[in-house]
Amino acid sequence: MSKKKFLFLFFIIFFIIFYFNLSTISFGAYPALISTIMNAFDKIKTWLIKLATPAAAVAVSTGLFMRKFSFGDEEKIRTGKNLVKGSLFSYAFILLLDLILTTIEGLLG
């Protein structure tokens, strides 16, 4: 076996041992910046969910009041229906995204 092949083989074996053993030991936790960013995103996500519920309720009730007090105006009835459908769709989309992100986080962590 030549010296170059021996050094190449030694380097590959050393790299594999070093990478798979020391990386799991020395980097067991997230760095401080990454954990701070992840905590910030978690706070933003919970804040958005808490804000979306009353916002959807206000939008739905506004649409229902527009339909109720339209006094036969077709444009106001159509606008009220669109407002109710749009706000319910948006709220369902936000809840669905939260469900998907929670599922992915549970599978990864």
PDB file of N, CA and C in Angstrom:
ATOM      1  N   MET A   1       0.863  -1.174   0.000  1.00  0.00           N
ATOM      2  CA  MET A   1       0.000   0.000   0.000  1.00  0.00           C
ATOM      3  C   MET A   1       0.910   1.238   0.000  1.00  0.00           C
ATOM      4  N   SER A   2       0.610   2.147  -0.911  1.00  0.00           N
ATOM      5  CA  SER A   2       1.451   3.333  -0.999  1.00  0.00           C
ATOM      6  C   SER A   2       1.114   4.313   0.126  1.00  0.00           C
ATOM      7  N   LYS A   3       1.986   5.256   0.302  1.00  0.00           N
ATOM      8  CA  LYS A   3       1.833   6.231   1.382  1.00  0.00           C
ATOM      9  C   LYS A   3       0.628   7.142   1.130  1.00  0.00           C
ATOM     10  N   LYS A   4       0.383   7.494  -0.112  1.00  0.00           N
ATOM     11  CA  LYS A   4      -0.753   8.362  -0.434  1.00  0.00           C
ATOM     12  C   LYS A   4      -2.081   7.662  -0.152  1.00  0.00           C
ATOM     13  N   LYS A   5      -2.174   6.388  -0.536  1.00  0.00           N
ATOM     14  CA  LYS A   5      -3.404   5.645  -0.273  1.00  0.00           C
ATOM     15  C   LYS A   5      -3.621   5.460   1.216  1.00  0.00           C
ATOM     16  N   PHE A   6      -2.540   5.201   1.937  1.00  0.00           N
ATOM     17  CA  PHE A   6      -2.645   5.038   3.391  1.00  0.00           C
ATOM     18  C   PHE A   6      -3.116   6.331   4.055  1.00  0.00           C
ATOM     19  N   LEU A   7      -2.554   7.463   3.655  1.00  0.00           N
ATOM     20  CA  LEU A   7      -2.954   8.754   4.231  1.00  0.00           C
ATOM     21  C   LEU A   7      -4.408   9.088   3.868  1.00  0.00           C
ATOM     22  N   PHE A   8      -4.792   8.789   2.628  1.00  0.00           N
ATOM     23  CA  PHE A   8      -6.169   9.032   2.215  1.00  0.00           C
ATOM     24  C   PHE A   8      -7.144   8.174   3.024  1.00  0.00           C
ATOM     25  N   LEU A   9      -6.842   6.907   3.182  1.00  0.00           N
ATOM     26  CA  LEU A   9      -7.681   6.010   3.959  1.00  0.00           C
ATOM     27  C   LEU A   9      -7.731   6.434   5.424  1.00  0.00           C
ATOM     28  N   PHE A  10      -6.583   6.823   5.979  1.00  0.00           N
ATOM     29  CA  PHE A  10      -6.526   7.299   7.370  1.00  0.00           C
ATOM     30  C   PHE A  10      -7.378   8.554   7.539  1.00  0.00           C
ATOM     31  N   PHE A  11      -7.292   9.464   6.570  1.00  0.00           N
ATOM     32  CA  PHE A  11      -8.073  10.693   6.645  1.00  0.00           C
ATOM     33  C   PHE A  11      -9.574  10.396   6.595  1.00  0.00           C
ATOM     34  N   ILE A  12      -9.999   9.512   5.719  1.00  0.00           N
ATOM     35  CA  ILE A  12     -11.415   9.168   5.613  1.00  0.00           C
ATOM     36  C   ILE A  12     -11.917   8.518   6.897  1.00  0.00           C
ATOM     37  N   ILE A  13     -11.174   7.570   7.426  1.00  0.00           N
ATOM     38  CA  ILE A  13     -11.586   6.908   8.672  1.00  0.00           C
ATOM     39  C   ILE A  13     -11.618   7.901   9.822  1.00  0.00           C
ATOM     40  N   PHE A  14     -10.606   8.762   9.912  1.00  0.00           N
ATOM     41  CA  PHE A  14     -10.564   9.773  10.975  1.00  0.00           C
ATOM     42  C   PHE A  14     -11.755  10.723  10.854  1.00  0.00           C
ATOM     43  N   PHE A  15     -12.058  11.155   9.649  1.00  0.00           N
ATOM     44  CA  PHE A  15     -13.178  12.069   9.431  1.00  0.00           C
ATOM     45  C   PHE A  15     -14.498  11.420   9.845  1.00  0.00           C
ATOM     46  N   ILE A  16     -14.714  10.176   9.457  1.00  0.00           N
ATOM     47  CA  ILE A  16     -15.958   9.492   9.794  1.00  0.00           C
ATOM     48  C   ILE A  16     -16.096   9.343  11.308  1.00  0.00           C
ATOM     49  N   ILE A  17     -15.041   8.905  11.965  1.00  0.00           N
ATOM     50  CA  ILE A  17     -15.094   8.733  13.429  1.00  0.00           C
ATOM     51  C   ILE A  17     -15.300  10.071  14.114  1.00  0.00           C
ATOM     52  N   PHE A  18     -14.544  11.068  13.700  1.00  0.00           N
ATOM     53  CA  PHE A  18     -14.654  12.390  14.326  1.00  0.00           C
ATOM     54  C   PHE A  18     -16.027  12.995  14.095  1.00  0.00           C
ATOM     55  N   TYR A  19     -16.528  12.931  12.871  1.00  0.00           N
ATOM     56  CA  TYR A  19     -17.785  13.564  12.546  1.00  0.00           C
ATOM     57  C   TYR A  19     -18.955  12.911  13.275  1.00  0.00           C
ATOM     58  N   PHE A  20     -19.043  11.611  13.256  1.00  0.00           N
ATOM     59  CA  PHE A  20     -20.210  10.953  13.827  1.00  0.00           C
ATOM     60  C   PHE A  20     -20.166  10.867  15.348  1.00  0.00           C
ATOM     61  N   ASN A  21     -19.005  10.844  15.944  1.00  0.00           N
ATOM     62  CA  ASN A  21     -18.941  10.747  17.399  1.00  0.00           C
ATOM     63  C   ASN A  21     -18.942  12.104  18.080  1.00  0.00           C
ATOM     64  N   LEU A  22     -18.084  12.985  17.662  1.00  0.00           N
ATOM     65  CA  LEU A  22     -17.949  14.254  18.369  1.00  0.00           C
ATOM     66  C   LEU A  22     -19.055  15.241  18.046  1.00  0.00           C
ATOM     67  N   SER A  23     -19.635  15.139  16.870  1.00  0.00           N
ATOM     68  CA  SER A  23     -20.683  16.101  16.533  1.00  0.00           C
ATOM     69  C   SER A  23     -21.924  15.891  17.388  1.00  0.00           C
ATOM     70  N   THR A  24     -22.231  14.664  17.731  1.00  0.00           N
ATOM     71  CA  THR A  24     -23.417  14.433  18.555  1.00  0.00           C
ATOM     72  C   THR A  24     -23.161  14.769  20.011  1.00  0.00           C
ATOM     73  N   ILE A  25     -21.921  14.702  20.438  1.00  0.00           N
ATOM     74  CA  ILE A  25     -21.599  15.011  21.830  1.00  0.00           C
ATOM     75  C   ILE A  25     -21.434  16.514  22.033  1.00  0.00           C
ATOM     76  N   SER A  26     -20.636  17.135  21.179  1.00  0.00           N
ATOM     77  CA  SER A  26     -20.301  18.524  21.410  1.00  0.00           C
ATOM     78  C   SER A  26     -21.394  19.494  20.973  1.00  0.00           C
ATOM     79  N   PHE A  27     -22.237  19.097  20.031  1.00  0.00           N
ATOM     80  CA  PHE A  27     -23.284  19.992  19.559  1.00  0.00           C
ATOM     81  C   PHE A  27     -24.651  19.434  19.928  1.00  0.00           C
ATOM     82  N   GLY A  28     -24.826  19.046  21.170  1.00  0.00           N
ATOM     83  CA  GLY A  28     -26.058  18.427  21.607  1.00  0.00           C
ATOM     84  C   GLY A  28     -27.214  19.391  21.732  1.00  0.00           C
ATOM     85  N   ALA A  29     -26.939  20.674  21.907  1.00  0.00           N
ATOM     86  CA  ALA A  29     -27.997  21.659  22.068  1.00  0.00           C
ATOM     87  C   ALA A  29     -27.886  22.702  20.963  1.00  0.00           C
ATOM     88  N   TYR A  30     -28.948  23.472  20.827  1.00  0.00           N
ATOM     89  CA  TYR A  30     -28.909  24.550  19.855  1.00  0.00           C
ATOM     90  C   TYR A  30     -28.000  25.659  20.357  1.00  0.00           C
ATOM     91  N   PRO A  31     -27.370  26.382  19.444  1.00  0.00           N
ATOM     92  CA  PRO A  31     -26.622  27.567  19.867  1.00  0.00           C
ATOM     93  C   PRO A  31     -27.572  28.613  20.442  1.00  0.00           C
ATOM     94  N   ALA A  32     -27.029  29.540  21.183  1.00  0.00           N
ATOM     95  CA  ALA A  32     -27.857  30.527  21.881  1.00  0.00           C
ATOM     96  C   ALA A  32     -28.688  31.358  20.917  1.00  0.00           C
ATOM     97  N   LEU A  33     -28.107  31.747  19.795  1.00  0.00           N
ATOM     98  CA  LEU A  33     -28.838  32.564  18.835  1.00  0.00           C
ATOM     99  C   LEU A  33     -30.003  31.795  18.222  1.00  0.00           C
ATOM    100  N   ILE A  34     -29.787  30.534  17.881  1.00  0.00           N
ATOM    101  CA  ILE A  34     -30.839  29.725  17.276  1.00  0.00           C
ATOM    102  C   ILE A  34     -31.976  29.497  18.263  1.00  0.00           C
ATOM    103  N   SER A  35     -31.652  29.197  19.519  1.00  0.00           N
ATOM    104  CA  SER A  35     -32.716  28.979  20.494  1.00  0.00           C
ATOM    105  C   SER A  35     -33.476  30.267  20.775  1.00  0.00           C
ATOM    106  N   THR A  36     -32.798  31.401  20.740  1.00  0.00           N
ATOM    107  CA  THR A  36     -33.482  32.688  20.920  1.00  0.00           C
ATOM    108  C   THR A  36     -34.430  32.952  19.759  1.00  0.00           C
ATOM    109  N   ILE A  37     -33.985  32.674  18.551  1.00  0.00           N
ATOM    110  CA  ILE A  37     -34.842  32.876  17.377  1.00  0.00           C
ATOM    111  C   ILE A  37     -36.028  31.920  17.414  1.00  0.00           C
ATOM    112  N   MET A  38     -35.799  30.676  17.797  1.00  0.00           N
ATOM    113  CA  MET A  38     -36.898  29.713  17.869  1.00  0.00           C
ATOM    114  C   MET A  38     -37.914  30.113  18.927  1.00  0.00           C
ATOM    115  N   ASN A  39     -37.449  30.601  20.067  1.00  0.00           N
ATOM    116  CA  ASN A  39     -38.370  31.082  21.102  1.00  0.00           C
ATOM    117  C   ASN A  39     -39.162  32.289  20.610  1.00  0.00           C
ATOM    118  N   ALA A  40     -38.504  33.164  19.866  1.00  0.00           N
ATOM    119  CA  ALA A  40     -39.203  34.337  19.324  1.00  0.00           C
ATOM    120  C   ALA A  40     -40.292  33.915  18.338  1.00  0.00           C
ATOM    121  N   PHE A  41     -39.992  32.941  17.472  1.00  0.00           N
ATOM    122  CA  PHE A  41     -41.004  32.466  16.525  1.00  0.00           C
ATOM    123  C   PHE A  41     -42.158  31.771  17.245  1.00  0.00           C
ATOM    124  N   ASP A  42     -41.874  31.057  18.317  1.00  0.00           N
ATOM    125  CA  ASP A  42     -42.951  30.433  19.090  1.00  0.00           C
ATOM    126  C   ASP A  42     -43.855  31.488  19.718  1.00  0.00           C
ATOM    127  N   LYS A  43     -43.259  32.554  20.234  1.00  0.00           N
ATOM    128  CA  LYS A  43     -44.064  33.636  20.823  1.00  0.00           C
ATOM    129  C   LYS A  43     -44.901  34.337  19.766  1.00  0.00           C
ATOM    130  N   ILE A  44     -44.319  34.553  18.592  1.00  0.00           N
ATOM    131  CA  ILE A  44     -45.057  35.200  17.508  1.00  0.00           C
ATOM    132  C   ILE A  44     -46.212  34.315  17.064  1.00  0.00           C
ATOM    133  N   LYS A  45     -45.977  33.007  16.990  1.00  0.00           N
ATOM    134  CA  LYS A  45     -47.033  32.086  16.567  1.00  0.00           C
ATOM    135  C   LYS A  45     -48.192  32.091  17.560  1.00  0.00           C
ATOM    136  N   THR A  46     -47.903  32.024  18.850  1.00  0.00           N
ATOM    137  CA  THR A  46     -48.986  32.048  19.840  1.00  0.00           C
ATOM    138  C   THR A  46     -49.692  33.399  19.843  1.00  0.00           C
ATOM    139  N   TRP A  47     -48.953  34.467  19.620  1.00  0.00           N
ATOM    140  CA  TRP A  47     -49.558  35.801  19.571  1.00  0.00           C
ATOM    141  C   TRP A  47     -50.504  35.903  18.375  1.00  0.00           C
ATOM    142  N   LEU A  48     -50.101  35.364  17.226  1.00  0.00           N
ATOM    143  CA  LEU A  48     -50.967  35.413  16.045  1.00  0.00           C
ATOM    144  C   LEU A  48     -52.239  34.596  16.232  1.00  0.00           C
ATOM    145  N   ILE A  49     -52.117  33.443  16.884  1.00  0.00           N
ATOM    146  CA  ILE A  49     -53.309  32.628  17.133  1.00  0.00           C
ATOM    147  C   ILE A  49     -54.254  33.358  18.087  1.00  0.00           C
ATOM    148  N   LYS A  50     -53.701  33.969  19.110  1.00  0.00           N
ATOM    149  CA  LYS A  50     -54.548  34.715  20.055  1.00  0.00           C
ATOM    150  C   LYS A  50     -55.188  35.933  19.408  1.00  0.00           C
ATOM    151  N   LEU A  51     -54.508  36.540  18.458  1.00  0.00           N
ATOM    152  CA  LEU A  51     -55.048  37.716  17.785  1.00  0.00           C
ATOM    153  C   LEU A  51     -56.050  37.334  16.697  1.00  0.00           C
ATOM    154  N   ALA A  52     -55.854  36.183  16.069  1.00  0.00           N
ATOM    155  CA  ALA A  52     -56.711  35.786  14.944  1.00  0.00           C
ATOM    156  C   ALA A  52     -58.129  35.447  15.385  1.00  0.00           C
ATOM    157  N   THR A  53     -58.282  34.901  16.587  1.00  0.00           N
ATOM    158  CA  THR A  53     -59.616  34.505  17.041  1.00  0.00           C
ATOM    159  C   THR A  53     -60.560  35.698  17.190  1.00  0.00           C
ATOM    160  N   PRO A  54     -60.188  36.739  17.946  1.00  0.00           N
ATOM    161  CA  PRO A  54     -61.111  37.883  18.026  1.00  0.00           C
ATOM    162  C   PRO A  54     -61.254  38.629  16.706  1.00  0.00           C
ATOM    163  N   ALA A  55     -60.197  38.655  15.895  1.00  0.00           N
ATOM    164  CA  ALA A  55     -60.290  39.332  14.606  1.00  0.00           C
ATOM    165  C   ALA A  55     -61.286  38.619  13.694  1.00  0.00           C
ATOM    166  N   ALA A  56     -61.263  37.306  13.699  1.00  0.00           N
ATOM    167  CA  ALA A  56     -62.227  36.553  12.892  1.00  0.00           C
ATOM    168  C   ALA A  56     -63.641  36.751  13.419  1.00  0.00           C
ATOM    169  N   ALA A  57     -63.782  36.788  14.739  1.00  0.00           N
ATOM    170  CA  ALA A  57     -65.114  37.000  15.313  1.00  0.00           C
ATOM    171  C   ALA A  57     -65.662  38.373  14.937  1.00  0.00           C
ATOM    172  N   VAL A  58     -64.826  39.387  14.973  1.00  0.00           N
ATOM    173  CA  VAL A  58     -65.268  40.738  14.601  1.00  0.00           C
ATOM    174  C   VAL A  58     -65.630  40.788  13.119  1.00  0.00           C
ATOM    175  N   ALA A  59     -64.825  40.136  12.269  1.00  0.00           N
ATOM    176  CA  ALA A  59     -65.102  40.157  10.834  1.00  0.00           C
ATOM    177  C   ALA A  59     -66.386  39.405  10.513  1.00  0.00           C
ATOM    178  N   VAL A  60     -66.612  38.265  11.142  1.00  0.00           N
ATOM    179  CA  VAL A  60     -67.839  37.504  10.900  1.00  0.00           C
ATOM    180  C   VAL A  60     -69.057  38.286  11.381  1.00  0.00           C
ATOM    181  N   SER A  61     -68.974  38.864  12.566  1.00  0.00           N
ATOM    182  CA  SER A  61     -70.126  39.618  13.066  1.00  0.00           C
ATOM    183  C   SER A  61     -70.367  40.875  12.239  1.00  0.00           C
ATOM    184  N   THR A  62     -69.327  41.508  11.731  1.00  0.00           N
ATOM    185  CA  THR A  62     -69.507  42.661  10.847  1.00  0.00           C
ATOM    186  C   THR A  62     -70.212  42.248   9.561  1.00  0.00           C
ATOM    187  N   GLY A  63     -69.789  41.117   8.991  1.00  0.00           N
ATOM    188  CA  GLY A  63     -70.449  40.617   7.778  1.00  0.00           C
ATOM    189  C   GLY A  63     -71.901  40.261   8.024  1.00  0.00           C
ATOM    190  N   LEU A  64     -72.180  39.635   9.167  1.00  0.00           N
ATOM    191  CA  LEU A  64     -73.571  39.287   9.480  1.00  0.00           C
ATOM    192  C   LEU A  64     -74.424  40.533   9.693  1.00  0.00           C
ATOM    193  N   PHE A  65     -73.863  41.545  10.364  1.00  0.00           N
ATOM    194  CA  PHE A  65     -74.608  42.791  10.543  1.00  0.00           C
ATOM    195  C   PHE A  65     -74.823  43.503   9.211  1.00  0.00           C
ATOM    196  N   MET A  66     -73.845  43.409   8.314  1.00  0.00           N
ATOM    197  CA  MET A  66     -74.030  44.020   6.987  1.00  0.00           C
ATOM    198  C   MET A  66     -75.181  43.349   6.246  1.00  0.00           C
ATOM    199  N   ARG A  67     -75.269  42.025   6.351  1.00  0.00           N
ATOM    200  CA  ARG A  67     -76.374  41.314   5.703  1.00  0.00           C
ATOM    201  C   ARG A  67     -77.703  41.642   6.371  1.00  0.00           C
ATOM    202  N   LYS A  68     -77.680  41.723   7.698  1.00  0.00           N
ATOM    203  CA  LYS A  68     -78.923  41.953   8.439  1.00  0.00           C
ATOM    204  C   LYS A  68     -79.482  43.350   8.156  1.00  0.00           C
ATOM    205  N   PHE A  69     -78.602  44.352   8.151  1.00  0.00           N
ATOM    206  CA  PHE A  69     -79.048  45.736   7.995  1.00  0.00           C
ATOM    207  C   PHE A  69     -78.793  46.275   6.588  1.00  0.00           C
ATOM    208  N   SER A  70     -78.899  45.418   5.591  1.00  0.00           N
ATOM    209  CA  SER A  70     -78.678  45.867   4.215  1.00  0.00           C
ATOM    210  C   SER A  70     -79.928  46.530   3.638  1.00  0.00           C
ATOM    211  N   PHE A  71     -81.082  46.212   4.205  1.00  0.00           N
ATOM    212  CA  PHE A  71     -82.370  46.755   3.769  1.00  0.00           C
ATOM    213  C   PHE A  71     -82.603  46.510   2.284  1.00  0.00           C
ATOM    214  N   GLY A  72     -82.238  45.285   1.830  1.00  0.00           N
ATOM    215  CA  GLY A  72     -82.526  44.906   0.458  1.00  0.00           C
ATOM    216  C   GLY A  72     -81.471  45.292  -0.554  1.00  0.00           C
ATOM    217  N   ASP A  73     -80.417  45.971  -0.138  1.00  0.00           N
ATOM    218  CA  ASP A  73     -79.359  46.356  -1.073  1.00  0.00           C
ATOM    219  C   ASP A  73     -78.505  45.127  -1.390  1.00  0.00           C
ATOM    220  N   GLU A  74     -78.548  44.713  -2.659  1.00  0.00           N
ATOM    221  CA  GLU A  74     -77.857  43.485  -3.069  1.00  0.00           C
ATOM    222  C   GLU A  74     -76.343  43.591  -2.907  1.00  0.00           C
ATOM    223  N   GLU A  75     -75.807  44.771  -3.125  1.00  0.00           N
ATOM    224  CA  GLU A  75     -74.357  44.955  -3.000  1.00  0.00           C
ATOM    225  C   GLU A  75     -73.897  44.745  -1.556  1.00  0.00           C
ATOM    226  N   LYS A  76     -74.642  45.246  -0.595  1.00  0.00           N
ATOM    227  CA  LYS A  76     -74.288  45.067   0.806  1.00  0.00           C
ATOM    228  C   LYS A  76     -74.452  43.604   1.239  1.00  0.00           C
ATOM    229  N   ILE A  77     -75.458  42.934   0.712  1.00  0.00           N
ATOM    230  CA  ILE A  77     -75.653  41.514   1.041  1.00  0.00           C
ATOM    231  C   ILE A  77     -74.491  40.702   0.489  1.00  0.00           C
ATOM    232  N   ARG A  78     -74.102  40.977  -0.750  1.00  0.00           N
ATOM    233  CA  ARG A  78     -72.991  40.260  -1.371  1.00  0.00           C
ATOM    234  C   ARG A  78     -71.671  40.559  -0.630  1.00  0.00           C
ATOM    235  N   THR A  79     -71.464  41.805  -0.232  1.00  0.00           N
ATOM    236  CA  THR A  79     -70.258  42.169   0.508  1.00  0.00           C
ATOM    237  C   THR A  79     -70.229  41.486   1.868  1.00  0.00           C
ATOM    238  N   GLY A  80     -71.374  41.421   2.535  1.00  0.00           N
ATOM    239  CA  GLY A  80     -71.453  40.742   3.828  1.00  0.00           C
ATOM    240  C   GLY A  80     -71.161  39.258   3.713  1.00  0.00           C
ATOM    241  N   LYS A  81     -71.703  38.610   2.679  1.00  0.00           N
ATOM    242  CA  LYS A  81     -71.432  37.185   2.457  1.00  0.00           C
ATOM    243  C   LYS A  81     -69.953  36.948   2.185  1.00  0.00           C
ATOM    244  N   ASN A  82     -69.371  37.795   1.337  1.00  0.00           N
ATOM    245  CA  ASN A  82     -67.942  37.651   1.032  1.00  0.00           C
ATOM    246  C   ASN A  82     -67.071  37.882   2.263  1.00  0.00           C
ATOM    247  N   LEU A  83     -67.471  38.812   3.109  1.00  0.00           N
ATOM    248  CA  LEU A  83     -66.712  39.087   4.324  1.00  0.00           C
ATOM    249  C   LEU A  83     -66.775  37.901   5.286  1.00  0.00           C
ATOM    250  N   VAL A  84     -67.925  37.305   5.432  1.00  0.00           N
ATOM    251  CA  VAL A  84     -68.063  36.140   6.313  1.00  0.00           C
ATOM    252  C   VAL A  84     -67.266  34.962   5.764  1.00  0.00           C
ATOM    253  N   LYS A  85     -67.408  34.676   4.466  1.00  0.00           N
ATOM    254  CA  LYS A  85     -66.678  33.551   3.868  1.00  0.00           C
ATOM    255  C   LYS A  85     -65.170  33.766   3.937  1.00  0.00           C
ATOM    256  N   GLY A  86     -64.733  34.974   3.628  1.00  0.00           N
ATOM    257  CA  GLY A  86     -63.299  35.261   3.637  1.00  0.00           C
ATOM    258  C   GLY A  86     -62.686  35.177   5.026  1.00  0.00           C
ATOM    259  N   SER A  87     -63.397  35.689   6.013  1.00  0.00           N
ATOM    260  CA  SER A  87     -62.847  35.653   7.369  1.00  0.00           C
ATOM    261  C   SER A  87     -62.838  34.233   7.923  1.00  0.00           C
ATOM    262  N   LEU A  88     -63.878  33.447   7.644  1.00  0.00           N
ATOM    263  CA  LEU A  88     -63.873  32.050   8.097  1.00  0.00           C
ATOM    264  C   LEU A  88     -62.787  31.247   7.386  1.00  0.00           C
ATOM    265  N   PHE A  89     -62.591  31.483   6.090  1.00  0.00           N
ATOM    266  CA  PHE A  89     -61.539  30.799   5.356  1.00  0.00           C
ATOM    267  C   PHE A  89     -60.163  31.173   5.907  1.00  0.00           C
ATOM    268  N   SER A  90     -59.953  32.450   6.182  1.00  0.00           N
ATOM    269  CA  SER A  90     -58.657  32.898   6.711  1.00  0.00           C
ATOM    270  C   SER A  90     -58.382  32.315   8.089  1.00  0.00           C
ATOM    271  N   TYR A  91     -59.385  32.283   8.935  1.00  0.00           N
ATOM    272  CA  TYR A  91     -59.201  31.731  10.270  1.00  0.00           C
ATOM    273  C   TYR A  91     -58.933  30.233  10.209  1.00  0.00           C
ATOM    274  N   ALA A  92     -59.644  29.526   9.327  1.00  0.00           N
ATOM    275  CA  ALA A  92     -59.393  28.089   9.160  1.00  0.00           C
ATOM    276  C   ALA A  92     -57.993  27.851   8.610  1.00  0.00           C
ATOM    277  N   PHE A  93     -57.540  28.705   7.715  1.00  0.00           N
ATOM    278  CA  PHE A  93     -56.194  28.580   7.165  1.00  0.00           C
ATOM    279  C   PHE A  93     -55.131  28.782   8.241  1.00  0.00           C
ATOM    280  N   ILE A  94     -55.328  29.749   9.118  1.00  0.00           N
ATOM    281  CA  ILE A  94     -54.379  29.991  10.208  1.00  0.00           C
ATOM    282  C   ILE A  94     -54.352  28.800  11.162  1.00  0.00           C
ATOM    283  N   LEU A  95     -55.515  28.265  11.499  1.00  0.00           N
ATOM    284  CA  LEU A  95     -55.547  27.097  12.383  1.00  0.00           C
ATOM    285  C   LEU A  95     -54.930  25.868  11.720  1.00  0.00           C
ATOM    286  N   LEU A  96     -55.142  25.718  10.424  1.00  0.00           N
ATOM    287  CA  LEU A  96     -54.551  24.596   9.700  1.00  0.00           C
ATOM    288  C   LEU A  96     -53.027  24.713   9.650  1.00  0.00           C
ATOM    289  N   LEU A  97     -52.521  25.910   9.430  1.00  0.00           N
ATOM    290  CA  LEU A  97     -51.074  26.109   9.454  1.00  0.00           C
ATOM    291  C   LEU A  97     -50.493  25.800  10.825  1.00  0.00           C
ATOM    292  N   ASP A  98     -51.187  26.203  11.875  1.00  0.00           N
ATOM    293  CA  ASP A  98     -50.721  25.899  13.220  1.00  0.00           C
ATOM    294  C   ASP A  98     -50.699  24.394  13.457  1.00  0.00           C
ATOM    295  N   LEU A  99     -51.719  23.694  12.976  1.00  0.00           N
ATOM    296  CA  LEU A  99     -51.765  22.239  13.113  1.00  0.00           C
ATOM    297  C   LEU A  99     -50.619  21.570  12.353  1.00  0.00           C
ATOM    298  N   ILE A 100     -50.346  22.031  11.142  1.00  0.00           N
ATOM    299  CA  ILE A 100     -49.278  21.453  10.338  1.00  0.00           C
ATOM    300  C   ILE A 100     -47.927  21.712  10.981  1.00  0.00           C
ATOM    301  N   LEU A 101     -47.689  22.936  11.450  1.00  0.00           N
ATOM    302  CA  LEU A 101     -46.405  23.256  12.078  1.00  0.00           C
ATOM    303  C   LEU A 101     -46.207  22.480  13.377  1.00  0.00           C
ATOM    304  N   THR A 102     -47.264  22.297  14.133  1.00  0.00           N
ATOM    305  CA  THR A 102     -47.165  21.522  15.375  1.00  0.00           C
ATOM    306  C   THR A 102     -46.874  20.052  15.068  1.00  0.00           C
ATOM    307  N   THR A 103     -47.489  19.527  14.020  1.00  0.00           N
ATOM    308  CA  THR A 103     -47.244  18.140  13.626  1.00  0.00           C
ATOM    309  C   THR A 103     -45.803  17.942  13.168  1.00  0.00           C
ATOM    310  N   ILE A 104     -45.305  18.858  12.348  1.00  0.00           N
ATOM    311  CA  ILE A 104     -43.925  18.768  11.876  1.00  0.00           C
ATOM    312  C   ILE A 104     -42.959  18.895  13.047  1.00  0.00           C
ATOM    313  N   GLU A 105     -43.239  19.813  13.950  1.00  0.00           N
ATOM    314  CA  GLU A 105     -42.368  19.998  15.114  1.00  0.00           C
ATOM    315  C   GLU A 105     -42.362  18.744  15.982  1.00  0.00           C
ATOM    316  N   GLY A 106     -43.504  18.090  16.120  1.00  0.00           N
ATOM    317  CA  GLY A 106     -43.578  16.854  16.892  1.00  0.00           C
ATOM    318  C   GLY A 106     -42.831  15.705  16.237  1.00  0.00           C
ATOM    319  N   LEU A 107     -42.852  15.664  14.903  1.00  0.00           N
ATOM    320  CA  LEU A 107     -42.136  14.611  14.201  1.00  0.00           C
ATOM    321  C   LEU A 107     -40.626  14.819  14.234  1.00  0.00           C
ATOM    322  N   LEU A 108     -40.201  16.077  14.184  1.00  0.00           N
ATOM    323  CA  LEU A 108     -38.762  16.360  14.182  1.00  0.00           C
ATOM    324  C   LEU A 108     -38.152  16.330  15.571  1.00  0.00           C
ATOM    325  N   GLY A 109     -38.897  16.723  16.558  1.00  0.00           N
ATOM    326  CA  GLY A 109     -38.335  16.844  17.904  1.00  0.00           C
ATOM    327  C   GLY A 109     -38.642  15.728  18.739  1.00  0.00           C
TER     328      GLY A 109
END
